[in-house]
Amino acid sequence: MSHPSTGSADIFRTESWENEGGSIPAVELAERLGVIRHVTETYSVGGFRYTSLTDAIAQARRMTKLERELI
């Protein structure tokens, strides 16, 4: 069964063969739609996560200082 072309909406149409490995890969589709991937490093200190290394170091220093005060 064919569908009439609707321009840019065609990329959202699901075909019966898509579950057989024939669809556009997600990365390719994302690029065509202008989606930009960003990889962000995170730093963990205790139970907290930071995207800034400076903030992670500051928290680690606070935790170290607190440990020294409790001993």
Protein backbone atom coordinates (compact mmCIF):
# COMPACT_ATOMS: atom_id res chain seq x y z
CA MET A 1 0.00 0.00 0.00
CA SER A 2 1.48 3.36 -0.96
CA HIS A 3 0.92 6.65 0.80
CA PRO A 4 0.74 10.05 -0.88
CA SER A 5 3.81 12.18 -0.34
CA THR A 6 3.34 14.97 2.19
CA GLY A 7 6.79 16.54 2.04
CA SER A 8 8.73 16.73 5.33
CA ALA A 9 6.04 14.70 7.11
CA ASP A 10 7.27 11.65 5.13
CA ILE A 11 10.11 11.14 7.61
CA PHE A 12 7.56 10.44 10.37
CA ARG A 13 5.52 7.89 8.40
CA THR A 14 5.93 4.30 9.59
CA GLU A 15 6.21 1.61 6.96
CA SER A 16 5.49 -2.08 7.51
CA TRP A 17 9.11 -2.98 6.75
CA GLU A 18 10.63 -0.75 9.44
CA ASN A 19 10.81 -3.57 11.98
CA GLU A 20 12.93 -5.52 9.48
CA GLY A 21 15.94 -3.20 9.57
CA GLY A 22 14.86 -1.04 6.66
CA SER A 23 14.15 2.24 8.42
CA ILE A 24 16.40 5.26 8.63
CA PRO A 25 18.83 4.87 11.57
CA ALA A 26 17.90 7.13 14.49
CA VAL A 27 21.19 9.07 14.31
CA GLU A 28 20.69 9.80 10.63
CA LEU A 29 17.11 10.92 11.22
CA ALA A 30 18.16 13.10 14.16
CA GLU A 31 20.79 14.82 12.01
CA ARG A 32 18.25 15.44 9.24
CA LEU A 33 15.94 17.05 11.80
CA GLY A 34 18.72 19.27 13.17
CA VAL A 35 19.15 17.44 16.49
CA ILE A 36 22.64 17.99 17.89
CA ARG A 37 24.26 15.50 20.25
CA HIS A 38 26.25 16.79 23.22
CA VAL A 39 28.44 14.57 25.36
CA THR A 40 28.85 15.95 28.87
CA GLU A 41 31.39 14.78 31.42
CA THR A 42 30.12 14.40 34.95
CA TYR A 43 32.07 14.16 38.17
CA SER A 44 30.82 12.27 41.22
CA VAL A 45 31.68 13.22 44.79
CA GLY A 46 29.92 11.34 47.53
CA GLY A 47 26.33 11.03 46.38
CA PHE A 48 26.43 14.17 44.24
CA ARG A 49 27.14 14.69 40.53
CA TYR A 50 28.64 17.78 38.98
CA THR A 51 29.20 18.92 35.41
CA SER A 52 31.85 21.36 36.58
CA LEU A 53 35.18 19.95 37.75
CA THR A 54 35.70 23.08 39.87
CA ASP A 55 32.44 22.45 41.74
CA ALA A 56 33.32 18.78 42.27
CA ILE A 57 36.72 19.68 43.72
CA ALA A 58 35.13 22.27 46.00
CA GLN A 59 32.67 19.65 47.31
CA ALA A 60 35.47 17.12 47.82
CA ARG A 61 37.41 19.71 49.82
CA ARG A 62 34.35 20.48 51.97
CA MET A 63 33.83 16.78 52.63
CA THR A 64 37.51 16.28 53.51
CA LYS A 65 37.41 19.25 55.87
CA LEU A 66 34.24 17.92 57.54
CA GLU A 67 35.84 14.48 58.00
CA ARG A 68 38.88 16.05 59.69
CA GLU A 69 36.63 18.02 62.05
CA LEU A 70 34.71 14.89 63.06
CA ILE A 71 37.85 12.90 63.92
